[in-house]
Amino acid sequence: MKAKSEKINEKKCRDKNCPFHGEIALRGRKFKGYVTKIVGRRAVIEWERTVYYAKYERFAKTKSKIHAYIPECLAESIKVGDYVNAVECRTISKILHFIVTGKVEK
């Protein structure tokens, strides 16, 4: 029994872009939204917001979308349709400026 528990403890997140086990720091803006697409280690997160148009004195619903990096330790738990947190970090690649930090329980 002891050997099995040691193997589980040895398996750690070796991702250098993981905010919990790696070297990357989180800063700036925070968003909550739904995962609409997963491509490799990248998630597309989308949420609805209301925008006021002064000319028409009306509100309209719009959607905002960002791309966020999924750390190795969260990769198995994040699926399409999940409501997740995304936090800003330094630029990881051309379109990745956010990291998924976990699921939000409804």
PDB file of N, CA and C in Angstrom:
ATOM      1  N   MET A   1       0.811  -1.198   0.000  1.00  0.00           N
ATOM      2  CA  MET A   1       0.000   0.000   0.000  1.00  0.00           C
ATOM      3  C   MET A   1       0.856   1.264   0.000  1.00  0.00           C
ATOM      4  N   LYS A   2       1.940   1.227   0.716  1.00  0.00           N
ATOM      5  CA  LYS A   2       2.783   2.404   0.830  1.00  0.00           C
ATOM      6  C   LYS A   2       3.399   2.789  -0.522  1.00  0.00           C
ATOM      7  N   ALA A   3       3.746   1.780  -1.316  1.00  0.00           N
ATOM      8  CA  ALA A   3       4.361   2.040  -2.612  1.00  0.00           C
ATOM      9  C   ALA A   3       3.402   2.771  -3.544  1.00  0.00           C
ATOM     10  N   LYS A   4       2.116   2.421  -3.504  1.00  0.00           N
ATOM     11  CA  LYS A   4       1.139   3.090  -4.356  1.00  0.00           C
ATOM     12  C   LYS A   4       0.996   4.553  -3.980  1.00  0.00           C
ATOM     13  N   SER A   5       0.941   4.857  -2.699  1.00  0.00           N
ATOM     14  CA  SER A   5       0.786   6.248  -2.279  1.00  0.00           C
ATOM     15  C   SER A   5       2.019   7.078  -2.634  1.00  0.00           C
ATOM     16  N   GLU A   6       3.191   6.469  -2.618  1.00  0.00           N
ATOM     17  CA  GLU A   6       4.407   7.183  -3.002  1.00  0.00           C
ATOM     18  C   GLU A   6       4.394   7.517  -4.483  1.00  0.00           C
ATOM     19  N   LYS A   7       3.870   6.593  -5.324  1.00  0.00           N
ATOM     20  CA  LYS A   7       3.792   6.860  -6.759  1.00  0.00           C
ATOM     21  C   LYS A   7       2.836   8.001  -7.056  1.00  0.00           C
ATOM     22  N   ILE A   8       1.743   8.074  -6.330  1.00  0.00           N
ATOM     23  CA  ILE A   8       0.789   9.158  -6.528  1.00  0.00           C
ATOM     24  C   ILE A   8       1.425  10.485  -6.143  1.00  0.00           C
ATOM     25  N   ASN A   9       2.165  10.526  -5.048  1.00  0.00           N
ATOM     26  CA  ASN A   9       2.822  11.759  -4.617  1.00  0.00           C
ATOM     27  C   ASN A   9       3.934  12.179  -5.569  1.00  0.00           C
ATOM     28  N   GLU A  10       4.590  11.206  -6.224  1.00  0.00           N
ATOM     29  CA  GLU A  10       5.665  11.531  -7.154  1.00  0.00           C
ATOM     30  C   GLU A  10       5.130  12.192  -8.413  1.00  0.00           C
ATOM     31  N   LYS A  11       3.908  11.815  -8.812  1.00  0.00           N
ATOM     32  CA  LYS A  11       3.326  12.386 -10.022  1.00  0.00           C
ATOM     33  C   LYS A  11       2.874  13.811  -9.720  1.00  0.00           C
ATOM     34  N   LYS A  12       3.677  14.775 -10.126  1.00  0.00           N
ATOM     35  CA  LYS A  12       3.374  16.182  -9.885  1.00  0.00           C
ATOM     36  C   LYS A  12       3.269  16.913 -11.207  1.00  0.00           C
ATOM     37  N   CYS A  13       2.767  18.096 -11.136  1.00  0.00           N
ATOM     38  CA  CYS A  13       2.651  18.956 -12.308  1.00  0.00           C
ATOM     39  C   CYS A  13       4.050  19.499 -12.638  1.00  0.00           C
ATOM     40  N   ARG A  14       4.555  19.173 -13.801  1.00  0.00           N
ATOM     41  CA  ARG A  14       5.887  19.641 -14.217  1.00  0.00           C
ATOM     42  C   ARG A  14       5.795  20.791 -15.216  1.00  0.00           C
ATOM     43  N   ASP A  15       4.631  21.401 -15.293  1.00  0.00           N
ATOM     44  CA  ASP A  15       4.374  22.473 -16.255  1.00  0.00           C
ATOM     45  C   ASP A  15       4.982  23.776 -15.744  1.00  0.00           C
ATOM     46  N   LYS A  16       5.876  24.371 -16.518  1.00  0.00           N
ATOM     47  CA  LYS A  16       6.504  25.622 -16.076  1.00  0.00           C
ATOM     48  C   LYS A  16       5.532  26.803 -16.142  1.00  0.00           C
ATOM     49  N   ASN A  17       4.429  26.673 -16.902  1.00  0.00           N
ATOM     50  CA  ASN A  17       3.430  27.729 -16.997  1.00  0.00           C
ATOM     51  C   ASN A  17       2.246  27.502 -16.071  1.00  0.00           C
ATOM     52  N   CYS A  18       2.392  26.640 -15.091  1.00  0.00           N
ATOM     53  CA  CYS A  18       1.342  26.394 -14.105  1.00  0.00           C
ATOM     54  C   CYS A  18       1.463  27.437 -12.991  1.00  0.00           C
ATOM     55  N   PRO A  19       0.375  28.148 -12.660  1.00  0.00           N
ATOM     56  CA  PRO A  19       0.479  29.167 -11.605  1.00  0.00           C
ATOM     57  C   PRO A  19       0.631  28.568 -10.210  1.00  0.00           C
ATOM     58  N   PHE A  20       0.295  27.292 -10.030  1.00  0.00           N
ATOM     59  CA  PHE A  20       0.372  26.650  -8.722  1.00  0.00           C
ATOM     60  C   PHE A  20       1.703  25.934  -8.505  1.00  0.00           C
ATOM     61  N   HIS A  21       2.229  25.281  -9.540  1.00  0.00           N
ATOM     62  CA  HIS A  21       3.457  24.479  -9.408  1.00  0.00           C
ATOM     63  C   HIS A  21       4.612  25.002 -10.247  1.00  0.00           C
ATOM     64  N   GLY A  22       4.371  25.979 -11.093  1.00  0.00           N
ATOM     65  CA  GLY A  22       5.399  26.482 -12.008  1.00  0.00           C
ATOM     66  C   GLY A  22       5.959  27.821 -11.593  1.00  0.00           C
ATOM     67  N   GLU A  23       6.480  28.536 -12.573  1.00  0.00           N
ATOM     68  CA  GLU A  23       7.194  29.789 -12.311  1.00  0.00           C
ATOM     69  C   GLU A  23       6.408  31.036 -12.708  1.00  0.00           C
ATOM     70  N   ILE A  24       5.254  30.878 -13.323  1.00  0.00           N
ATOM     71  CA  ILE A  24       4.535  32.028 -13.874  1.00  0.00           C
ATOM     72  C   ILE A  24       3.709  32.731 -12.796  1.00  0.00           C
ATOM     73  N   ALA A  25       3.676  34.058 -12.843  1.00  0.00           N
ATOM     74  CA  ALA A  25       2.937  34.845 -11.864  1.00  0.00           C
ATOM     75  C   ALA A  25       1.636  35.358 -12.481  1.00  0.00           C
ATOM     76  N   LEU A  26       0.594  35.433 -11.660  1.00  0.00           N
ATOM     77  CA  LEU A  26      -0.694  35.945 -12.105  1.00  0.00           C
ATOM     78  C   LEU A  26      -0.819  37.398 -11.693  1.00  0.00           C
ATOM     79  N   ARG A  27      -1.465  38.196 -12.547  1.00  0.00           N
ATOM     80  CA  ARG A  27      -1.647  39.616 -12.271  1.00  0.00           C
ATOM     81  C   ARG A  27      -2.773  40.136 -13.141  1.00  0.00           C
ATOM     82  N   GLY A  28      -3.287  41.280 -12.824  1.00  0.00           N
ATOM     83  CA  GLY A  28      -4.230  41.952 -13.711  1.00  0.00           C
ATOM     84  C   GLY A  28      -5.662  41.459 -13.637  1.00  0.00           C
ATOM     85  N   ARG A  29      -6.296  41.377 -14.800  1.00  0.00           N
ATOM     86  CA  ARG A  29      -7.731  41.133 -14.894  1.00  0.00           C
ATOM     87  C   ARG A  29      -8.113  39.685 -14.614  1.00  0.00           C
ATOM     88  N   LYS A  30      -9.345  39.507 -14.147  1.00  0.00           N
ATOM     89  CA  LYS A  30      -9.892  38.182 -13.854  1.00  0.00           C
ATOM     90  C   LYS A  30     -11.251  38.073 -14.529  1.00  0.00           C
ATOM     91  N   PHE A  31     -11.522  36.932 -15.135  1.00  0.00           N
ATOM     92  CA  PHE A  31     -12.792  36.715 -15.810  1.00  0.00           C
ATOM     93  C   PHE A  31     -13.359  35.364 -15.427  1.00  0.00           C
ATOM     94  N   LYS A  32     -14.691  35.255 -15.521  1.00  0.00           N
ATOM     95  CA  LYS A  32     -15.392  33.985 -15.368  1.00  0.00           C
ATOM     96  C   LYS A  32     -16.214  33.789 -16.630  1.00  0.00           C
ATOM     97  N   GLY A  33     -16.162  32.574 -17.186  1.00  0.00           N
ATOM     98  CA  GLY A  33     -16.920  32.316 -18.394  1.00  0.00           C
ATOM     99  C   GLY A  33     -17.003  30.841 -18.689  1.00  0.00           C
ATOM    100  N   TYR A  34     -17.686  30.523 -19.776  1.00  0.00           N
ATOM    101  CA  TYR A  34     -17.890  29.141 -20.196  1.00  0.00           C
ATOM    102  C   TYR A  34     -16.854  28.732 -21.230  1.00  0.00           C
ATOM    103  N   VAL A  35     -16.348  27.519 -21.116  1.00  0.00           N
ATOM    104  CA  VAL A  35     -15.410  26.976 -22.099  1.00  0.00           C
ATOM    105  C   VAL A  35     -16.226  26.547 -23.311  1.00  0.00           C
ATOM    106  N   THR A  36     -15.953  27.148 -24.470  1.00  0.00           N
ATOM    107  CA  THR A  36     -16.690  26.811 -25.685  1.00  0.00           C
ATOM    108  C   THR A  36     -15.902  25.887 -26.607  1.00  0.00           C
ATOM    109  N   LYS A  37     -14.581  25.845 -26.436  1.00  0.00           N
ATOM    110  CA  LYS A  37     -13.744  25.042 -27.319  1.00  0.00           C
ATOM    111  C   LYS A  37     -12.422  24.760 -26.628  1.00  0.00           C
ATOM    112  N   ILE A  38     -11.880  23.565 -26.849  1.00  0.00           N
ATOM    113  CA  ILE A  38     -10.554  23.225 -26.334  1.00  0.00           C
ATOM    114  C   ILE A  38      -9.712  22.732 -27.499  1.00  0.00           C
ATOM    115  N   VAL A  39      -8.568  23.380 -27.703  1.00  0.00           N
ATOM    116  CA  VAL A  39      -7.634  23.006 -28.772  1.00  0.00           C
ATOM    117  C   VAL A  39      -6.279  22.779 -28.115  1.00  0.00           C
ATOM    118  N   GLY A  40      -5.886  21.534 -27.973  1.00  0.00           N
ATOM    119  CA  GLY A  40      -4.619  21.213 -27.317  1.00  0.00           C
ATOM    120  C   GLY A  40      -4.660  21.634 -25.866  1.00  0.00           C
ATOM    121  N   ARG A  41      -3.772  22.527 -25.458  1.00  0.00           N
ATOM    122  CA  ARG A  41      -3.714  23.026 -24.072  1.00  0.00           C
ATOM    123  C   ARG A  41      -4.343  24.416 -23.960  1.00  0.00           C
ATOM    124  N   ARG A  42      -5.136  24.802 -24.943  1.00  0.00           N
ATOM    125  CA  ARG A  42      -5.737  26.135 -24.972  1.00  0.00           C
ATOM    126  C   ARG A  42      -7.261  26.013 -24.923  1.00  0.00           C
ATOM    127  N   ALA A  43      -7.901  26.848 -24.113  1.00  0.00           N
ATOM    128  CA  ALA A  43      -9.357  26.879 -24.023  1.00  0.00           C
ATOM    129  C   ALA A  43      -9.856  28.231 -24.513  1.00  0.00           C
ATOM    130  N   VAL A  44     -10.983  28.209 -25.219  1.00  0.00           N
ATOM    131  CA  VAL A  44     -11.649  29.436 -25.619  1.00  0.00           C
ATOM    132  C   VAL A  44     -12.756  29.672 -24.600  1.00  0.00           C
ATOM    133  N   ILE A  45     -12.687  30.808 -23.906  1.00  0.00           N
ATOM    134  CA  ILE A  45     -13.637  31.130 -22.846  1.00  0.00           C
ATOM    135  C   ILE A  45     -14.500  32.300 -23.312  1.00  0.00           C
ATOM    136  N   GLU A  46     -15.809  32.140 -23.145  1.00  0.00           N
ATOM    137  CA  GLU A  46     -16.752  33.136 -23.645  1.00  0.00           C
ATOM    138  C   GLU A  46     -17.751  33.490 -22.548  1.00  0.00           C
ATOM    139  N   TRP A  47     -18.139  34.768 -22.473  1.00  0.00           N
ATOM    140  CA  TRP A  47     -19.154  35.205 -21.526  1.00  0.00           C
ATOM    141  C   TRP A  47     -19.962  36.330 -22.138  1.00  0.00           C
ATOM    142  N   GLU A  48     -21.192  36.481 -21.621  1.00  0.00           N
ATOM    143  CA  GLU A  48     -22.095  37.492 -22.118  1.00  0.00           C
ATOM    144  C   GLU A  48     -22.016  38.734 -21.249  1.00  0.00           C
ATOM    145  N   ARG A  49     -22.156  39.899 -21.864  1.00  0.00           N
ATOM    146  CA  ARG A  49     -22.163  41.144 -21.115  1.00  0.00           C
ATOM    147  C   ARG A  49     -23.127  42.107 -21.788  1.00  0.00           C
ATOM    148  N   THR A  50     -23.515  43.152 -21.093  1.00  0.00           N
ATOM    149  CA  THR A  50     -24.416  44.146 -21.671  1.00  0.00           C
ATOM    150  C   THR A  50     -23.632  45.417 -21.958  1.00  0.00           C
ATOM    151  N   VAL A  51     -23.923  46.022 -23.092  1.00  0.00           N
ATOM    152  CA  VAL A  51     -23.261  47.253 -23.523  1.00  0.00           C
ATOM    153  C   VAL A  51     -24.343  48.310 -23.740  1.00  0.00           C
ATOM    154  N   TYR A  52     -24.087  49.513 -23.256  1.00  0.00           N
ATOM    155  CA  TYR A  52     -25.038  50.609 -23.409  1.00  0.00           C
ATOM    156  C   TYR A  52     -24.678  51.442 -24.629  1.00  0.00           C
ATOM    157  N   TYR A  53     -25.662  51.648 -25.512  1.00  0.00           N
ATOM    158  CA  TYR A  53     -25.486  52.505 -26.677  1.00  0.00           C
ATOM    159  C   TYR A  53     -26.204  53.824 -26.405  1.00  0.00           C
ATOM    160  N   ALA A  54     -25.441  54.896 -26.190  1.00  0.00           N
ATOM    161  CA  ALA A  54     -25.997  56.186 -25.809  1.00  0.00           C
ATOM    162  C   ALA A  54     -26.881  56.774 -26.908  1.00  0.00           C
ATOM    163  N   LYS A  55     -26.526  56.561 -28.145  1.00  0.00           N
ATOM    164  CA  LYS A  55     -27.285  57.117 -29.260  1.00  0.00           C
ATOM    165  C   LYS A  55     -28.731  56.612 -29.257  1.00  0.00           C
ATOM    166  N   TYR A  56     -28.891  55.325 -28.953  1.00  0.00           N
ATOM    167  CA  TYR A  56     -30.222  54.720 -28.964  1.00  0.00           C
ATOM    168  C   TYR A  56     -30.830  54.594 -27.571  1.00  0.00           C
ATOM    169  N   GLU A  57     -30.068  54.953 -26.538  1.00  0.00           N
ATOM    170  CA  GLU A  57     -30.492  54.852 -25.152  1.00  0.00           C
ATOM    171  C   GLU A  57     -30.994  53.448 -24.827  1.00  0.00           C
ATOM    172  N   ARG A  58     -30.243  52.464 -25.259  1.00  0.00           N
ATOM    173  CA  ARG A  58     -30.611  51.064 -25.075  1.00  0.00           C
ATOM    174  C   ARG A  58     -29.388  50.251 -24.660  1.00  0.00           C
ATOM    175  N   PHE A  59     -29.678  49.092 -24.089  1.00  0.00           N
ATOM    176  CA  PHE A  59     -28.635  48.122 -23.774  1.00  0.00           C
ATOM    177  C   PHE A  59     -28.720  46.991 -24.785  1.00  0.00           C
ATOM    178  N   ALA A  60     -27.574  46.408 -25.103  1.00  0.00           N
ATOM    179  CA  ALA A  60     -27.533  45.262 -26.005  1.00  0.00           C
ATOM    180  C   ALA A  60     -26.620  44.196 -25.399  1.00  0.00           C
ATOM    181  N   LYS A  61     -26.960  42.940 -25.622  1.00  0.00           N
ATOM    182  CA  LYS A  61     -26.130  41.843 -25.148  1.00  0.00           C
ATOM    183  C   LYS A  61     -25.043  41.568 -26.187  1.00  0.00           C
ATOM    184  N   THR A  62     -23.805  41.436 -25.700  1.00  0.00           N
ATOM    185  CA  THR A  62     -22.693  41.054 -26.574  1.00  0.00           C
ATOM    186  C   THR A  62     -21.912  39.954 -25.883  1.00  0.00           C
ATOM    187  N   LYS A  63     -21.094  39.281 -26.656  1.00  0.00           N
ATOM    188  CA  LYS A  63     -20.254  38.227 -26.094  1.00  0.00           C
ATOM    189  C   LYS A  63     -18.804  38.628 -26.207  1.00  0.00           C
ATOM    190  N   SER A  64     -18.038  38.319 -25.180  1.00  0.00           N
ATOM    191  CA  SER A  64     -16.599  38.526 -25.185  1.00  0.00           C
ATOM    192  C   SER A  64     -15.928  37.163 -25.163  1.00  0.00           C
ATOM    193  N   LYS A  65     -14.762  37.079 -25.795  1.00  0.00           N
ATOM    194  CA  LYS A  65     -14.074  35.805 -25.920  1.00  0.00           C
ATOM    195  C   LYS A  65     -12.584  36.005 -25.685  1.00  0.00           C
ATOM    196  N   ILE A  66     -11.984  35.098 -24.915  1.00  0.00           N
ATOM    197  CA  ILE A  66     -10.535  35.101 -24.728  1.00  0.00           C
ATOM    198  C   ILE A  66     -10.006  33.681 -24.894  1.00  0.00           C
ATOM    199  N   HIS A  67      -8.717  33.580 -25.119  1.00  0.00           N
ATOM    200  CA  HIS A  67      -8.029  32.294 -25.162  1.00  0.00           C
ATOM    201  C   HIS A  67      -7.214  32.179 -23.887  1.00  0.00           C
ATOM    202  N   ALA A  68      -7.281  31.021 -23.236  1.00  0.00           N
ATOM    203  CA  ALA A  68      -6.578  30.833 -21.972  1.00  0.00           C
ATOM    204  C   ALA A  68      -5.836  29.500 -21.984  1.00  0.00           C
ATOM    205  N   TYR A  69      -4.688  29.493 -21.357  1.00  0.00           N
ATOM    206  CA  TYR A  69      -3.843  28.296 -21.249  1.00  0.00           C
ATOM    207  C   TYR A  69      -4.387  27.390 -20.147  1.00  0.00           C
ATOM    208  N   ILE A  70      -4.413  26.077 -20.398  1.00  0.00           N
ATOM    209  CA  ILE A  70      -4.844  25.112 -19.395  1.00  0.00           C
ATOM    210  C   ILE A  70      -3.605  24.435 -18.823  1.00  0.00           C
ATOM    211  N   PRO A  71      -3.313  24.601 -17.520  1.00  0.00           N
ATOM    212  CA  PRO A  71      -2.146  23.947 -16.923  1.00  0.00           C
ATOM    213  C   PRO A  71      -2.299  22.420 -16.920  1.00  0.00           C
ATOM    214  N   GLU A  72      -1.176  21.746 -16.843  1.00  0.00           N
ATOM    215  CA  GLU A  72      -1.139  20.279 -16.875  1.00  0.00           C
ATOM    216  C   GLU A  72      -1.987  19.664 -15.761  1.00  0.00           C
ATOM    217  N   CYS A  73      -1.970  20.258 -14.573  1.00  0.00           N
ATOM    218  CA  CYS A  73      -2.689  19.679 -13.434  1.00  0.00           C
ATOM    219  C   CYS A  73      -4.209  19.829 -13.555  1.00  0.00           C
ATOM    220  N   LEU A  74      -4.696  20.755 -14.405  1.00  0.00           N
ATOM    221  CA  LEU A  74      -6.137  20.950 -14.591  1.00  0.00           C
ATOM    222  C   LEU A  74      -6.649  20.396 -15.916  1.00  0.00           C
ATOM    223  N   ALA A  75      -5.766  19.872 -16.752  1.00  0.00           N
ATOM    224  CA  ALA A  75      -6.135  19.473 -18.110  1.00  0.00           C
ATOM    225  C   ALA A  75      -7.222  18.403 -18.148  1.00  0.00           C
ATOM    226  N   GLU A  76      -7.192  17.451 -17.228  1.00  0.00           N
ATOM    227  CA  GLU A  76      -8.178  16.374 -17.247  1.00  0.00           C
ATOM    228  C   GLU A  76      -9.538  16.808 -16.714  1.00  0.00           C
ATOM    229  N   SER A  77      -9.578  17.810 -15.847  1.00  0.00           N
ATOM    230  CA  SER A  77     -10.845  18.206 -15.226  1.00  0.00           C
ATOM    231  C   SER A  77     -11.610  19.260 -16.026  1.00  0.00           C
ATOM    232  N   ILE A  78     -10.959  20.007 -16.920  1.00  0.00           N
ATOM    233  CA  ILE A  78     -11.621  21.054 -17.689  1.00  0.00           C
ATOM    234  C   ILE A  78     -12.190  20.464 -18.968  1.00  0.00           C
ATOM    235  N   LYS A  79     -13.503  20.627 -19.152  1.00  0.00           N
ATOM    236  CA  LYS A  79     -14.215  20.126 -20.338  1.00  0.00           C
ATOM    237  C   LYS A  79     -15.003  21.267 -20.970  1.00  0.00           C
ATOM    238  N   VAL A  80     -15.465  21.057 -22.190  1.00  0.00           N
ATOM    239  CA  VAL A  80     -16.293  22.046 -22.878  1.00  0.00           C
ATOM    240  C   VAL A  80     -17.607  22.193 -22.116  1.00  0.00           C
ATOM    241  N   GLY A  81     -18.014  23.434 -21.880  1.00  0.00           N
ATOM    242  CA  GLY A  81     -19.243  23.713 -21.151  1.00  0.00           C
ATOM    243  C   GLY A  81     -19.034  24.046 -19.687  1.00  0.00           C
ATOM    244  N   ASP A  82     -17.820  23.878 -19.169  1.00  0.00           N
ATOM    245  CA  ASP A  82     -17.530  24.193 -17.770  1.00  0.00           C
ATOM    246  C   ASP A  82     -17.468  25.706 -17.563  1.00  0.00           C
ATOM    247  N   TYR A  83     -17.861  26.148 -16.372  1.00  0.00           N
ATOM    248  CA  TYR A  83     -17.764  27.548 -15.979  1.00  0.00           C
ATOM    249  C   TYR A  83     -16.461  27.701 -15.213  1.00  0.00           C
ATOM    250  N   VAL A  84     -15.503  28.483 -15.736  1.00  0.00           N
ATOM    251  CA  VAL A  84     -14.151  28.522 -15.188  1.00  0.00           C
ATOM    252  C   VAL A  84     -13.706  29.952 -14.881  1.00  0.00           C
ATOM    253  N   ASN A  85     -12.644  30.053 -14.076  1.00  0.00           N
ATOM    254  CA  ASN A  85     -11.945  31.311 -13.802  1.00  0.00           C
ATOM    255  C   ASN A  85     -10.753  31.416 -14.736  1.00  0.00           C
ATOM    256  N   ALA A  86     -10.493  32.615 -15.248  1.00  0.00           N
ATOM    257  CA  ALA A  86      -9.297  32.880 -16.044  1.00  0.00           C
ATOM    258  C   ALA A  86      -8.655  34.151 -15.507  1.00  0.00           C
ATOM    259  N   VAL A  87      -7.333  34.110 -15.298  1.00  0.00           N
ATOM    260  CA  VAL A  87      -6.605  35.249 -14.737  1.00  0.00           C
ATOM    261  C   VAL A  87      -5.494  35.635 -15.696  1.00  0.00           C
ATOM    262  N   GLU A  88      -5.238  36.933 -15.795  1.00  0.00           N
ATOM    263  CA  GLU A  88      -4.220  37.459 -16.696  1.00  0.00           C
ATOM    264  C   GLU A  88      -2.817  37.120 -16.188  1.00  0.00           C
ATOM    265  N   CYS A  89      -1.893  36.923 -17.119  1.00  0.00           N
ATOM    266  CA  CYS A  89      -0.491  36.663 -16.793  1.00  0.00           C
ATOM    267  C   CYS A  89       0.365  37.303 -17.888  1.00  0.00           C
ATOM    268  N   ARG A  90       1.652  37.062 -17.821  1.00  0.00           N
ATOM    269  CA  ARG A  90       2.506  37.568 -18.900  1.00  0.00           C
ATOM    270  C   ARG A  90       2.156  36.808 -20.176  1.00  0.00           C
ATOM    271  N   THR A  91       2.575  37.317 -21.313  1.00  0.00           N
ATOM    272  CA  THR A  91       2.277  36.689 -22.591  1.00  0.00           C
ATOM    273  C   THR A  91       2.979  35.344 -22.697  1.00  0.00           C
ATOM    274  N   ILE A  92       2.198  34.292 -22.961  1.00  0.00           N
ATOM    275  CA  ILE A  92       2.750  32.952 -23.135  1.00  0.00           C
ATOM    276  C   ILE A  92       3.034  32.702 -24.610  1.00  0.00           C
ATOM    277  N   SER A  93       2.128  33.131 -25.480  1.00  0.00           N
ATOM    278  CA  SER A  93       2.328  33.038 -26.923  1.00  0.00           C
ATOM    279  C   SER A  93       1.576  34.196 -27.576  1.00  0.00           C
ATOM    280  N   LYS A  94       1.425  34.153 -28.883  1.00  0.00           N
ATOM    281  CA  LYS A  94       0.818  35.263 -29.609  1.00  0.00           C
ATOM    282  C   LYS A  94      -0.598  35.584 -29.121  1.00  0.00           C
ATOM    283  N   ILE A  95      -1.401  34.566 -28.816  1.00  0.00           N
ATOM    284  CA  ILE A  95      -2.781  34.828 -28.407  1.00  0.00           C
ATOM    285  C   ILE A  95      -3.074  34.440 -26.963  1.00  0.00           C
ATOM    286  N   LEU A  96      -2.117  33.885 -26.253  1.00  0.00           N
ATOM    287  CA  LEU A  96      -2.353  33.448 -24.878  1.00  0.00           C
ATOM    288  C   LEU A  96      -1.825  34.474 -23.883  1.00  0.00           C
ATOM    289  N   HIS A  97      -2.772  35.114 -23.180  1.00  0.00           N
ATOM    290  CA  HIS A  97      -2.431  36.089 -22.147  1.00  0.00           C
ATOM    291  C   HIS A  97      -3.129  35.769 -20.833  1.00  0.00           C
ATOM    292  N   PHE A  98      -3.850  34.646 -20.789  1.00  0.00           N
ATOM    293  CA  PHE A  98      -4.621  34.259 -19.613  1.00  0.00           C
ATOM    294  C   PHE A  98      -4.362  32.796 -19.287  1.00  0.00           C
ATOM    295  N   ILE A  99      -4.600  32.428 -18.026  1.00  0.00           N
ATOM    296  CA  ILE A  99      -4.453  31.048 -17.563  1.00  0.00           C
ATOM    297  C   ILE A  99      -5.727  30.651 -16.830  1.00  0.00           C
ATOM    298  N   VAL A 100      -6.203  29.431 -17.088  1.00  0.00           N
ATOM    299  CA  VAL A 100      -7.359  28.901 -16.362  1.00  0.00           C
ATOM    300  C   VAL A 100      -6.872  28.507 -14.966  1.00  0.00           C
ATOM    301  N   THR A 101      -7.551  29.017 -13.927  1.00  0.00           N
ATOM    302  CA  THR A 101      -7.130  28.722 -12.555  1.00  0.00           C
ATOM    303  C   THR A 101      -8.047  27.736 -11.848  1.00  0.00           C
ATOM    304  N   GLY A 102      -9.174  27.393 -12.442  1.00  0.00           N
ATOM    305  CA  GLY A 102     -10.044  26.386 -11.836  1.00  0.00           C
ATOM    306  C   GLY A 102     -11.493  26.540 -12.263  1.00  0.00           C
ATOM    307  N   LYS A 103     -12.286  25.548 -11.872  1.00  0.00           N
ATOM    308  CA  LYS A 103     -13.716  25.568 -12.150  1.00  0.00           C
ATOM    309  C   LYS A 103     -14.437  26.387 -11.093  1.00  0.00           C
ATOM    310  N   VAL A 104     -15.570  26.952 -11.481  1.00  0.00           N
ATOM    311  CA  VAL A 104     -16.431  27.674 -10.549  1.00  0.00           C
ATOM    312  C   VAL A 104     -17.657  26.802 -10.332  1.00  0.00           C
ATOM    313  N   GLU A 105     -17.957  26.532  -9.075  1.00  0.00           N
ATOM    314  CA  GLU A 105     -19.150  25.740  -8.752  1.00  0.00           C
ATOM    315  C   GLU A 105     -20.363  26.663  -8.802  1.00  0.00           C
ATOM    316  N   LYS A 106     -21.422  26.200  -9.435  1.00  0.00           N
ATOM    317  CA  LYS A 106     -22.622  27.041  -9.570  1.00  0.00           C
ATOM    318  C   LYS A 106     -23.444  27.029  -8.308  1.00  0.00           C
TER     319      LYS A 106
END
